[in-house]
Amino acid sequence: VELAGGGVLEADRLVCATGFVADAAAHPLVAALAACQGVSVVEGRLLVSDTFGLVQLDRPGRVCGVVGVLARWALPVAGTFAGMKYAARRLAPQIGLDD
């Protein structure tokens, strides 16, 4: 991750909280992923797979997953607490956090 001050941070996992703003373009990081990495957005919604990953960014050993309101494409109730829990449980094994 390139920091605003010019530094670089290496990370195994990155979690970004977006709150409850539903439009993917309203979040600079998400908008940049869509613009620079080819992540598909339709009517403000990220095209999230049924396993809550972004297909354009997923690679062996690397997953870009989405839960919460930005995962509404895969689960219309994703912005609710029950929806977030459901999505997180589906995503956990893919990112090495399974029980």
PDB file of N, CA and C in Angstrom:
ATOM      1  N   VAL A   1       0.852  -1.160   0.000  1.00  0.00           N
ATOM      2  CA  VAL A   1       0.000   0.000   0.000  1.00  0.00           C
ATOM      3  C   VAL A   1       0.902   1.229   0.000  1.00  0.00           C
ATOM      4  N   GLU A   2       0.644   2.140  -0.942  1.00  0.00           N
ATOM      5  CA  GLU A   2       1.398   3.394  -0.966  1.00  0.00           C
ATOM      6  C   GLU A   2       0.693   4.412  -0.087  1.00  0.00           C
ATOM      7  N   LEU A   3       1.426   4.995   0.848  1.00  0.00           N
ATOM      8  CA  LEU A   3       0.869   5.960   1.781  1.00  0.00           C
ATOM      9  C   LEU A   3       0.943   7.371   1.213  1.00  0.00           C
ATOM     10  N   ALA A   4       0.072   8.233   1.695  1.00  0.00           N
ATOM     11  CA  ALA A   4       0.016   9.611   1.196  1.00  0.00           C
ATOM     12  C   ALA A   4       1.344  10.340   1.350  1.00  0.00           C
ATOM     13  N   GLY A   5       2.096  10.059   2.383  1.00  0.00           N
ATOM     14  CA  GLY A   5       3.379  10.713   2.614  1.00  0.00           C
ATOM     15  C   GLY A   5       4.510  10.169   1.763  1.00  0.00           C
ATOM     16  N   GLY A   6       4.215   9.213   0.893  1.00  0.00           N
ATOM     17  CA  GLY A   6       5.230   8.653   0.016  1.00  0.00           C
ATOM     18  C   GLY A   6       5.792   7.326   0.483  1.00  0.00           C
ATOM     19  N   GLY A   7       5.487   6.918   1.700  1.00  0.00           N
ATOM     20  CA  GLY A   7       5.978   5.641   2.204  1.00  0.00           C
ATOM     21  C   GLY A   7       5.194   4.474   1.620  1.00  0.00           C
ATOM     22  N   VAL A   8       5.700   3.283   1.846  1.00  0.00           N
ATOM     23  CA  VAL A   8       5.057   2.059   1.380  1.00  0.00           C
ATOM     24  C   VAL A   8       4.875   1.129   2.566  1.00  0.00           C
ATOM     25  N   LEU A   9       3.713   0.525   2.665  1.00  0.00           N
ATOM     26  CA  LEU A   9       3.392  -0.417   3.732  1.00  0.00           C
ATOM     27  C   LEU A   9       3.093  -1.774   3.102  1.00  0.00           C
ATOM     28  N   GLU A  10       3.844  -2.799   3.506  1.00  0.00           N
ATOM     29  CA  GLU A  10       3.581  -4.150   3.026  1.00  0.00           C
ATOM     30  C   GLU A  10       2.641  -4.824   4.016  1.00  0.00           C
ATOM     31  N   ALA A  11       1.635  -5.529   3.491  1.00  0.00           N
ATOM     32  CA  ALA A  11       0.648  -6.162   4.357  1.00  0.00           C
ATOM     33  C   ALA A  11       0.204  -7.488   3.764  1.00  0.00           C
ATOM     34  N   ASP A  12      -0.140  -8.429   4.649  1.00  0.00           N
ATOM     35  CA  ASP A  12      -0.718  -9.703   4.216  1.00  0.00           C
ATOM     36  C   ASP A  12      -2.221  -9.567   4.025  1.00  0.00           C
ATOM     37  N   ARG A  13      -2.845  -8.712   4.845  1.00  0.00           N
ATOM     38  CA  ARG A  13      -4.289  -8.502   4.759  1.00  0.00           C
ATOM     39  C   ARG A  13      -4.574  -7.018   4.935  1.00  0.00           C
ATOM     40  N   LEU A  14      -5.585  -6.561   4.237  1.00  0.00           N
ATOM     41  CA  LEU A  14      -5.997  -5.168   4.329  1.00  0.00           C
ATOM     42  C   LEU A  14      -7.504  -5.143   4.491  1.00  0.00           C
ATOM     43  N   VAL A  15      -7.985  -4.442   5.491  1.00  0.00           N
ATOM     44  CA  VAL A  15      -9.412  -4.319   5.733  1.00  0.00           C
ATOM     45  C   VAL A  15      -9.768  -2.848   5.628  1.00  0.00           C
ATOM     46  N   CYS A  16     -10.764  -2.549   4.818  1.00  0.00           N
ATOM     47  CA  CYS A  16     -11.217  -1.160   4.648  1.00  0.00           C
ATOM     48  C   CYS A  16     -12.676  -1.086   5.049  1.00  0.00           C
ATOM     49  N   ALA A  17     -13.003  -0.241   5.968  1.00  0.00           N
ATOM     50  CA  ALA A  17     -14.384  -0.049   6.391  1.00  0.00           C
ATOM     51  C   ALA A  17     -14.969   1.142   5.651  1.00  0.00           C
ATOM     52  N   THR A  18     -16.114   0.937   5.036  1.00  0.00           N
ATOM     53  CA  THR A  18     -16.728   2.004   4.248  1.00  0.00           C
ATOM     54  C   THR A  18     -18.002   2.546   4.880  1.00  0.00           C
ATOM     55  N   GLY A  19     -18.400   1.989   6.011  1.00  0.00           N
ATOM     56  CA  GLY A  19     -19.631   2.453   6.630  1.00  0.00           C
ATOM     57  C   GLY A  19     -20.839   1.966   5.859  1.00  0.00           C
ATOM     58  N   PHE A  20     -21.822   2.827   5.704  1.00  0.00           N
ATOM     59  CA  PHE A  20     -23.067   2.406   5.073  1.00  0.00           C
ATOM     60  C   PHE A  20     -23.354   3.172   3.790  1.00  0.00           C
ATOM     61  N   VAL A  21     -22.338   3.724   3.155  1.00  0.00           N
ATOM     62  CA  VAL A  21     -22.515   4.417   1.879  1.00  0.00           C
ATOM     63  C   VAL A  21     -22.559   3.353   0.796  1.00  0.00           C
ATOM     64  N   ALA A  22     -23.682   3.238   0.118  1.00  0.00           N
ATOM     65  CA  ALA A  22     -23.918   2.134  -0.806  1.00  0.00           C
ATOM     66  C   ALA A  22     -23.233   2.283  -2.162  1.00  0.00           C
ATOM     67  N   ASP A  23     -22.971   3.496  -2.617  1.00  0.00           N
ATOM     68  CA  ASP A  23     -22.401   3.710  -3.943  1.00  0.00           C
ATOM     69  C   ASP A  23     -20.900   3.417  -3.922  1.00  0.00           C
ATOM     70  N   ALA A  24     -20.477   2.425  -4.705  1.00  0.00           N
ATOM     71  CA  ALA A  24     -19.070   2.032  -4.739  1.00  0.00           C
ATOM     72  C   ALA A  24     -18.164   3.182  -5.155  1.00  0.00           C
ATOM     73  N   ALA A  25     -18.632   4.049  -6.028  1.00  0.00           N
ATOM     74  CA  ALA A  25     -17.820   5.162  -6.516  1.00  0.00           C
ATOM     75  C   ALA A  25     -17.583   6.231  -5.454  1.00  0.00           C
ATOM     76  N   ALA A  26     -18.323   6.187  -4.354  1.00  0.00           N
ATOM     77  CA  ALA A  26     -18.166   7.178  -3.288  1.00  0.00           C
ATOM     78  C   ALA A  26     -16.928   6.926  -2.427  1.00  0.00           C
ATOM     79  N   HIS A  27     -16.290   5.789  -2.598  1.00  0.00           N
ATOM     80  CA  HIS A  27     -15.120   5.414  -1.806  1.00  0.00           C
ATOM     81  C   HIS A  27     -13.881   5.471  -2.691  1.00  0.00           C
ATOM     82  N   PRO A  28     -12.926   6.354  -2.408  1.00  0.00           N
ATOM     83  CA  PRO A  28     -11.769   6.525  -3.295  1.00  0.00           C
ATOM     84  C   PRO A  28     -11.016   5.231  -3.611  1.00  0.00           C
ATOM     85  N   LEU A  29     -10.784   4.371  -2.617  1.00  0.00           N
ATOM     86  CA  LEU A  29     -10.065   3.129  -2.869  1.00  0.00           C
ATOM     87  C   LEU A  29     -10.860   2.209  -3.786  1.00  0.00           C
ATOM     88  N   VAL A  30     -12.142   2.075  -3.530  1.00  0.00           N
ATOM     89  CA  VAL A  30     -12.993   1.208  -4.346  1.00  0.00           C
ATOM     90  C   VAL A  30     -13.123   1.779  -5.757  1.00  0.00           C
ATOM     91  N   ALA A  31     -13.288   3.081  -5.870  1.00  0.00           N
ATOM     92  CA  ALA A  31     -13.369   3.713  -7.190  1.00  0.00           C
ATOM     93  C   ALA A  31     -12.079   3.506  -7.982  1.00  0.00           C
ATOM     94  N   ALA A  32     -10.935   3.574  -7.286  1.00  0.00           N
ATOM     95  CA  ALA A  32      -9.649   3.347  -7.955  1.00  0.00           C
ATOM     96  C   ALA A  32      -9.523   1.895  -8.417  1.00  0.00           C
ATOM     97  N   LEU A  33      -9.992   0.945  -7.613  1.00  0.00           N
ATOM     98  CA  LEU A  33      -9.982  -0.454  -8.033  1.00  0.00           C
ATOM     99  C   LEU A  33     -10.807  -0.646  -9.292  1.00  0.00           C
ATOM    100  N   ALA A  34     -11.955   0.001  -9.327  1.00  0.00           N
ATOM    101  CA  ALA A  34     -12.811  -0.112 -10.499  1.00  0.00           C
ATOM    102  C   ALA A  34     -12.151   0.514 -11.722  1.00  0.00           C
ATOM    103  N   ALA A  35     -11.573   1.677 -11.559  1.00  0.00           N
ATOM    104  CA  ALA A  35     -10.982   2.393 -12.687  1.00  0.00           C
ATOM    105  C   ALA A  35      -9.672   1.773 -13.175  1.00  0.00           C
ATOM    106  N   CYS A  36      -8.813   1.387 -12.241  1.00  0.00           N
ATOM    107  CA  CYS A  36      -7.464   0.924 -12.609  1.00  0.00           C
ATOM    108  C   CYS A  36      -7.334  -0.584 -12.768  1.00  0.00           C
ATOM    109  N   GLN A  37      -8.158  -1.342 -12.070  1.00  0.00           N
ATOM    110  CA  GLN A  37      -8.006  -2.794 -12.074  1.00  0.00           C
ATOM    111  C   GLN A  37      -9.135  -3.524 -12.793  1.00  0.00           C
ATOM    112  N   GLY A  38     -10.068  -2.788 -13.361  1.00  0.00           N
ATOM    113  CA  GLY A  38     -11.140  -3.421 -14.122  1.00  0.00           C
ATOM    114  C   GLY A  38     -12.222  -4.082 -13.299  1.00  0.00           C
ATOM    115  N   VAL A  39     -12.362  -3.680 -12.043  1.00  0.00           N
ATOM    116  CA  VAL A  39     -13.437  -4.218 -11.215  1.00  0.00           C
ATOM    117  C   VAL A  39     -14.761  -3.670 -11.741  1.00  0.00           C
ATOM    118  N   SER A  40     -15.691  -4.568 -12.006  1.00  0.00           N
ATOM    119  CA  SER A  40     -16.959  -4.180 -12.612  1.00  0.00           C
ATOM    120  C   SER A  40     -17.910  -3.552 -11.600  1.00  0.00           C
ATOM    121  N   VAL A  41     -18.543  -2.459 -12.012  1.00  0.00           N
ATOM    122  CA  VAL A  41     -19.546  -1.759 -11.211  1.00  0.00           C
ATOM    123  C   VAL A  41     -20.758  -1.511 -12.107  1.00  0.00           C
ATOM    124  N   VAL A  42     -21.932  -1.888 -11.618  1.00  0.00           N
ATOM    125  CA  VAL A  42     -23.174  -1.661 -12.350  1.00  0.00           C
ATOM    126  C   VAL A  42     -24.122  -0.903 -11.435  1.00  0.00           C
ATOM    127  N   GLU A  43     -24.558   0.266 -11.885  1.00  0.00           N
ATOM    128  CA  GLU A  43     -25.474   1.108 -11.106  1.00  0.00           C
ATOM    129  C   GLU A  43     -24.988   1.314  -9.675  1.00  0.00           C
ATOM    130  N   GLY A  44     -23.686   1.558  -9.509  1.00  0.00           N
ATOM    131  CA  GLY A  44     -23.114   1.824  -8.203  1.00  0.00           C
ATOM    132  C   GLY A  44     -22.797   0.602  -7.369  1.00  0.00           C
ATOM    133  N   ARG A  45     -23.071  -0.584  -7.919  1.00  0.00           N
ATOM    134  CA  ARG A  45     -22.831  -1.820  -7.166  1.00  0.00           C
ATOM    135  C   ARG A  45     -21.642  -2.578  -7.747  1.00  0.00           C
ATOM    136  N   LEU A  46     -20.749  -3.041  -6.858  1.00  0.00           N
ATOM    137  CA  LEU A  46     -19.660  -3.905  -7.280  1.00  0.00           C
ATOM    138  C   LEU A  46     -20.228  -5.254  -7.718  1.00  0.00           C
ATOM    139  N   LEU A  47     -19.717  -5.803  -8.801  1.00  0.00           N
ATOM    140  CA  LEU A  47     -20.142  -7.137  -9.226  1.00  0.00           C
ATOM    141  C   LEU A  47     -19.354  -8.163  -8.413  1.00  0.00           C
ATOM    142  N   VAL A  48     -19.911  -8.523  -7.282  1.00  0.00           N
ATOM    143  CA  VAL A  48     -19.281  -9.427  -6.327  1.00  0.00           C
ATOM    144  C   VAL A  48     -19.745 -10.846  -6.619  1.00  0.00           C
ATOM    145  N   SER A  49     -18.804 -11.818  -6.570  1.00  0.00           N
ATOM    146  CA  SER A  49     -19.167 -13.212  -6.811  1.00  0.00           C
ATOM    147  C   SER A  49     -20.000 -13.750  -5.649  1.00  0.00           C
ATOM    148  N   ASP A  50     -20.572 -14.927  -5.846  1.00  0.00           N
ATOM    149  CA  ASP A  50     -21.383 -15.512  -4.773  1.00  0.00           C
ATOM    150  C   ASP A  50     -20.547 -15.947  -3.579  1.00  0.00           C
ATOM    151  N   THR A  51     -19.228 -15.914  -3.711  1.00  0.00           N
ATOM    152  CA  THR A  51     -18.342 -16.170  -2.568  1.00  0.00           C
ATOM    153  C   THR A  51     -17.781 -14.864  -2.017  1.00  0.00           C
ATOM    154  N   PHE A  52     -18.331 -13.735  -2.472  1.00  0.00           N
ATOM    155  CA  PHE A  52     -18.018 -12.389  -1.992  1.00  0.00           C
ATOM    156  C   PHE A  52     -16.615 -11.925  -2.340  1.00  0.00           C
ATOM    157  N   GLY A  53     -16.080 -12.450  -3.415  1.00  0.00           N
ATOM    158  CA  GLY A  53     -14.799 -11.988  -3.927  1.00  0.00           C
ATOM    159  C   GLY A  53     -15.002 -11.114  -5.156  1.00  0.00           C
ATOM    160  N   LEU A  54     -13.980 -10.360  -5.504  1.00  0.00           N
ATOM    161  CA  LEU A  54     -13.985  -9.582  -6.744  1.00  0.00           C
ATOM    162  C   LEU A  54     -13.186 -10.387  -7.762  1.00  0.00           C
ATOM    163  N   VAL A  55     -13.887 -11.014  -8.679  1.00  0.00           N
ATOM    164  CA  VAL A  55     -13.299 -11.965  -9.616  1.00  0.00           C
ATOM    165  C   VAL A  55     -12.100 -11.380 -10.357  1.00  0.00           C
ATOM    166  N   GLN A  56     -12.160 -10.108 -10.716  1.00  0.00           N
ATOM    167  CA  GLN A  56     -11.073  -9.490 -11.469  1.00  0.00           C
ATOM    168  C   GLN A  56      -9.774  -9.417 -10.670  1.00  0.00           C
ATOM    169  N   LEU A  57      -9.848  -9.462  -9.354  1.00  0.00           N
ATOM    170  CA  LEU A  57      -8.658  -9.330  -8.513  1.00  0.00           C
ATOM    171  C   LEU A  57      -8.234 -10.623  -7.828  1.00  0.00           C
ATOM    172  N   ASP A  58      -9.104 -11.621  -7.818  1.00  0.00           N
ATOM    173  CA  ASP A  58      -8.767 -12.878  -7.152  1.00  0.00           C
ATOM    174  C   ASP A  58      -7.739 -13.654  -7.978  1.00  0.00           C
ATOM    175  N   ARG A  59      -6.738 -14.164  -7.299  1.00  0.00           N
ATOM    176  CA  ARG A  59      -5.678 -14.978  -7.898  1.00  0.00           C
ATOM    177  C   ARG A  59      -5.359 -16.087  -6.900  1.00  0.00           C
ATOM    178  N   PRO A  60      -4.689 -17.152  -7.329  1.00  0.00           N
ATOM    179  CA  PRO A  60      -4.272 -18.161  -6.349  1.00  0.00           C
ATOM    180  C   PRO A  60      -3.428 -17.508  -5.248  1.00  0.00           C
ATOM    181  N   GLY A  61      -3.838 -17.711  -4.017  1.00  0.00           N
ATOM    182  CA  GLY A  61      -3.128 -17.131  -2.889  1.00  0.00           C
ATOM    183  C   GLY A  61      -3.456 -15.683  -2.612  1.00  0.00           C
ATOM    184  N   ARG A  62      -4.374 -15.089  -3.381  1.00  0.00           N
ATOM    185  CA  ARG A  62      -4.734 -13.684  -3.188  1.00  0.00           C
ATOM    186  C   ARG A  62      -6.229 -13.518  -3.442  1.00  0.00           C
ATOM    187  N   VAL A  63      -6.923 -12.943  -2.482  1.00  0.00           N
ATOM    188  CA  VAL A  63      -8.365 -12.735  -2.588  1.00  0.00           C
ATOM    189  C   VAL A  63      -8.675 -11.304  -2.211  1.00  0.00           C
ATOM    190  N   CYS A  64      -9.522 -10.674  -2.986  1.00  0.00           N
ATOM    191  CA  CYS A  64     -10.061  -9.368  -2.618  1.00  0.00           C
ATOM    192  C   CYS A  64     -11.542  -9.589  -2.363  1.00  0.00           C
ATOM    193  N   GLY A  65     -11.924  -9.585  -1.104  1.00  0.00           N
ATOM    194  CA  GLY A  65     -13.292  -9.882  -0.716  1.00  0.00           C
ATOM    195  C   GLY A  65     -14.040  -8.655  -0.236  1.00  0.00           C
ATOM    196  N   VAL A  66     -15.355  -8.750  -0.311  1.00  0.00           N
ATOM    197  CA  VAL A  66     -16.218  -7.628   0.056  1.00  0.00           C
ATOM    198  C   VAL A  66     -17.346  -8.134   0.948  1.00  0.00           C
ATOM    199  N   VAL A  67     -17.570  -7.455   2.058  1.00  0.00           N
ATOM    200  CA  VAL A  67     -18.736  -7.718   2.900  1.00  0.00           C
ATOM    201  C   VAL A  67     -19.388  -6.367   3.193  1.00  0.00           C
ATOM    202  N   GLY A  68     -20.558  -6.410   3.763  1.00  0.00           N
ATOM    203  CA  GLY A  68     -21.262  -5.168   4.075  1.00  0.00           C
ATOM    204  C   GLY A  68     -22.032  -4.636   2.878  1.00  0.00           C
ATOM    205  N   VAL A  69     -22.364  -3.380   2.933  1.00  0.00           N
ATOM    206  CA  VAL A  69     -23.245  -2.778   1.934  1.00  0.00           C
ATOM    207  C   VAL A  69     -22.674  -2.870   0.516  1.00  0.00           C
ATOM    208  N   LEU A  70     -21.358  -2.914   0.355  1.00  0.00           N
ATOM    209  CA  LEU A  70     -20.776  -3.017  -0.981  1.00  0.00           C
ATOM    210  C   LEU A  70     -20.917  -4.415  -1.582  1.00  0.00           C
ATOM    211  N   ALA A  71     -21.378  -5.390  -0.817  1.00  0.00           N
ATOM    212  CA  ALA A  71     -21.576  -6.745  -1.317  1.00  0.00           C
ATOM    213  C   ALA A  71     -23.022  -7.004  -1.744  1.00  0.00           C
ATOM    214  N   ARG A  72     -23.803  -5.946  -1.916  1.00  0.00           N
ATOM    215  CA  ARG A  72     -25.226  -6.100  -2.232  1.00  0.00           C
ATOM    216  C   ARG A  72     -25.498  -6.834  -3.538  1.00  0.00           C
ATOM    217  N   TRP A  73     -24.552  -6.848  -4.472  1.00  0.00           N
ATOM    218  CA  TRP A  73     -24.780  -7.554  -5.733  1.00  0.00           C
ATOM    219  C   TRP A  73     -24.996  -9.044  -5.458  1.00  0.00           C
ATOM    220  N   ALA A  74     -24.189  -9.616  -4.591  1.00  0.00           N
ATOM    221  CA  ALA A  74     -24.274 -11.036  -4.277  1.00  0.00           C
ATOM    222  C   ALA A  74     -25.357 -11.332  -3.243  1.00  0.00           C
ATOM    223  N   LEU A  75     -25.640 -10.375  -2.383  1.00  0.00           N
ATOM    224  CA  LEU A  75     -26.608 -10.577  -1.301  1.00  0.00           C
ATOM    225  C   LEU A  75     -27.300  -9.246  -1.025  1.00  0.00           C
ATOM    226  N   PRO A  76     -28.536  -9.084  -1.508  1.00  0.00           N
ATOM    227  CA  PRO A  76     -29.219  -7.790  -1.359  1.00  0.00           C
ATOM    228  C   PRO A  76     -29.294  -7.263   0.075  1.00  0.00           C
ATOM    229  N   VAL A  77     -29.273  -8.149   1.072  1.00  0.00           N
ATOM    230  CA  VAL A  77     -29.338  -7.710   2.472  1.00  0.00           C
ATOM    231  C   VAL A  77     -27.949  -7.630   3.098  1.00  0.00           C
ATOM    232  N   ALA A  78     -26.918  -7.511   2.285  1.00  0.00           N
ATOM    233  CA  ALA A  78     -25.535  -7.527   2.777  1.00  0.00           C
ATOM    234  C   ALA A  78     -25.220  -6.389   3.738  1.00  0.00           C
ATOM    235  N   GLY A  79     -25.978  -5.310   3.685  1.00  0.00           N
ATOM    236  CA  GLY A  79     -25.736  -4.180   4.568  1.00  0.00           C
ATOM    237  C   GLY A  79     -26.300  -4.350   5.963  1.00  0.00           C
ATOM    238  N   THR A  80     -27.036  -5.434   6.198  1.00  0.00           N
ATOM    239  CA  THR A  80     -27.560  -5.698   7.542  1.00  0.00           C
ATOM    240  C   THR A  80     -26.515  -6.476   8.339  1.00  0.00           C
ATOM    241  N   PHE A  81     -26.654  -6.504   9.645  1.00  0.00           N
ATOM    242  CA  PHE A  81     -25.691  -7.260  10.454  1.00  0.00           C
ATOM    243  C   PHE A  81     -25.734  -8.745  10.113  1.00  0.00           C
ATOM    244  N   ALA A  82     -26.920  -9.295   9.890  1.00  0.00           N
ATOM    245  CA  ALA A  82     -27.025 -10.706   9.511  1.00  0.00           C
ATOM    246  C   ALA A  82     -26.366 -10.944   8.153  1.00  0.00           C
ATOM    247  N   GLY A  83     -26.561 -10.022   7.219  1.00  0.00           N
ATOM    248  CA  GLY A  83     -25.942 -10.144   5.904  1.00  0.00           C
ATOM    249  C   GLY A  83     -24.427 -10.063   5.966  1.00  0.00           C
ATOM    250  N   MET A  84     -23.903  -9.145   6.795  1.00  0.00           N
ATOM    251  CA  MET A  84     -22.453  -9.031   6.951  1.00  0.00           C
ATOM    252  C   MET A  84     -21.869 -10.304   7.546  1.00  0.00           C
ATOM    253  N   LYS A  85     -22.567 -10.866   8.520  1.00  0.00           N
ATOM    254  CA  LYS A  85     -22.096 -12.101   9.156  1.00  0.00           C
ATOM    255  C   LYS A  85     -22.095 -13.246   8.154  1.00  0.00           C
ATOM    256  N   TYR A  86     -23.157 -13.349   7.354  1.00  0.00           N
ATOM    257  CA  TYR A  86     -23.242 -14.405   6.345  1.00  0.00           C
ATOM    258  C   TYR A  86     -22.096 -14.275   5.338  1.00  0.00           C
ATOM    259  N   ALA A  87     -21.882 -13.068   4.819  1.00  0.00           N
ATOM    260  CA  ALA A  87     -20.823 -12.837   3.836  1.00  0.00           C
ATOM    261  C   ALA A  87     -19.450 -13.116   4.436  1.00  0.00           C
ATOM    262  N   ALA A  88     -19.212 -12.680   5.649  1.00  0.00           N
ATOM    263  CA  ALA A  88     -17.917 -12.898   6.297  1.00  0.00           C
ATOM    264  C   ALA A  88     -17.639 -14.384   6.483  1.00  0.00           C
ATOM    265  N   ARG A  89     -18.653 -15.144   6.827  1.00  0.00           N
ATOM    266  CA  ARG A  89     -18.463 -16.589   6.997  1.00  0.00           C
ATOM    267  C   ARG A  89     -18.166 -17.274   5.666  1.00  0.00           C
ATOM    268  N   ARG A  90     -18.742 -16.799   4.577  1.00  0.00           N
ATOM    269  CA  ARG A  90     -18.445 -17.364   3.254  1.00  0.00           C
ATOM    270  C   ARG A  90     -17.044 -16.975   2.793  1.00  0.00           C
ATOM    271  N   LEU A  91     -16.599 -15.811   3.166  1.00  0.00           N
ATOM    272  CA  LEU A  91     -15.307 -15.297   2.727  1.00  0.00           C
ATOM    273  C   LEU A  91     -14.138 -15.820   3.574  1.00  0.00           C
ATOM    274  N   ALA A  92     -14.391 -16.103   4.841  1.00  0.00           N
ATOM    275  CA  ALA A  92     -13.318 -16.474   5.774  1.00  0.00           C
ATOM    276  C   ALA A  92     -12.419 -17.615   5.281  1.00  0.00           C
ATOM    277  N   PRO A  93     -12.956 -18.728   4.784  1.00  0.00           N
ATOM    278  CA  PRO A  93     -12.061 -19.803   4.337  1.00  0.00           C
ATOM    279  C   PRO A  93     -11.144 -19.386   3.178  1.00  0.00           C
ATOM    280  N   GLN A  94     -11.618 -18.495   2.337  1.00  0.00           N
ATOM    281  CA  GLN A  94     -10.818 -18.054   1.192  1.00  0.00           C
ATOM    282  C   GLN A  94      -9.614 -17.226   1.606  1.00  0.00           C
ATOM    283  N   ILE A  95      -9.723 -16.530   2.731  1.00  0.00           N
ATOM    284  CA  ILE A  95      -8.611 -15.680   3.168  1.00  0.00           C
ATOM    285  C   ILE A  95      -7.858 -16.273   4.350  1.00  0.00           C
ATOM    286  N   GLY A  96      -8.090 -17.561   4.616  1.00  0.00           N
ATOM    287  CA  GLY A  96      -7.337 -18.256   5.641  1.00  0.00           C
ATOM    288  C   GLY A  96      -7.779 -17.983   7.056  1.00  0.00           C
ATOM    289  N   LEU A  97      -9.033 -17.609   7.239  1.00  0.00           N
ATOM    290  CA  LEU A  97      -9.535 -17.329   8.587  1.00  0.00           C
ATOM    291  C   LEU A  97     -10.602 -18.330   9.028  1.00  0.00           C
ATOM    292  N   ASP A  98     -10.650 -19.485   8.362  1.00  0.00           N
ATOM    293  CA  ASP A  98     -11.665 -20.459   8.746  1.00  0.00           C
ATOM    294  C   ASP A  98     -11.331 -21.095  10.082  1.00  0.00           C
ATOM    295  N   ASP A  99     -12.365 -21.603  10.734  1.00  0.00           N
ATOM    296  CA  ASP A  99     -12.197 -22.192  12.079  1.00  0.00           C
ATOM    297  C   ASP A  99     -11.414 -23.474  12.031  1.00  0.00           C
TER     298      ASP A  99
END
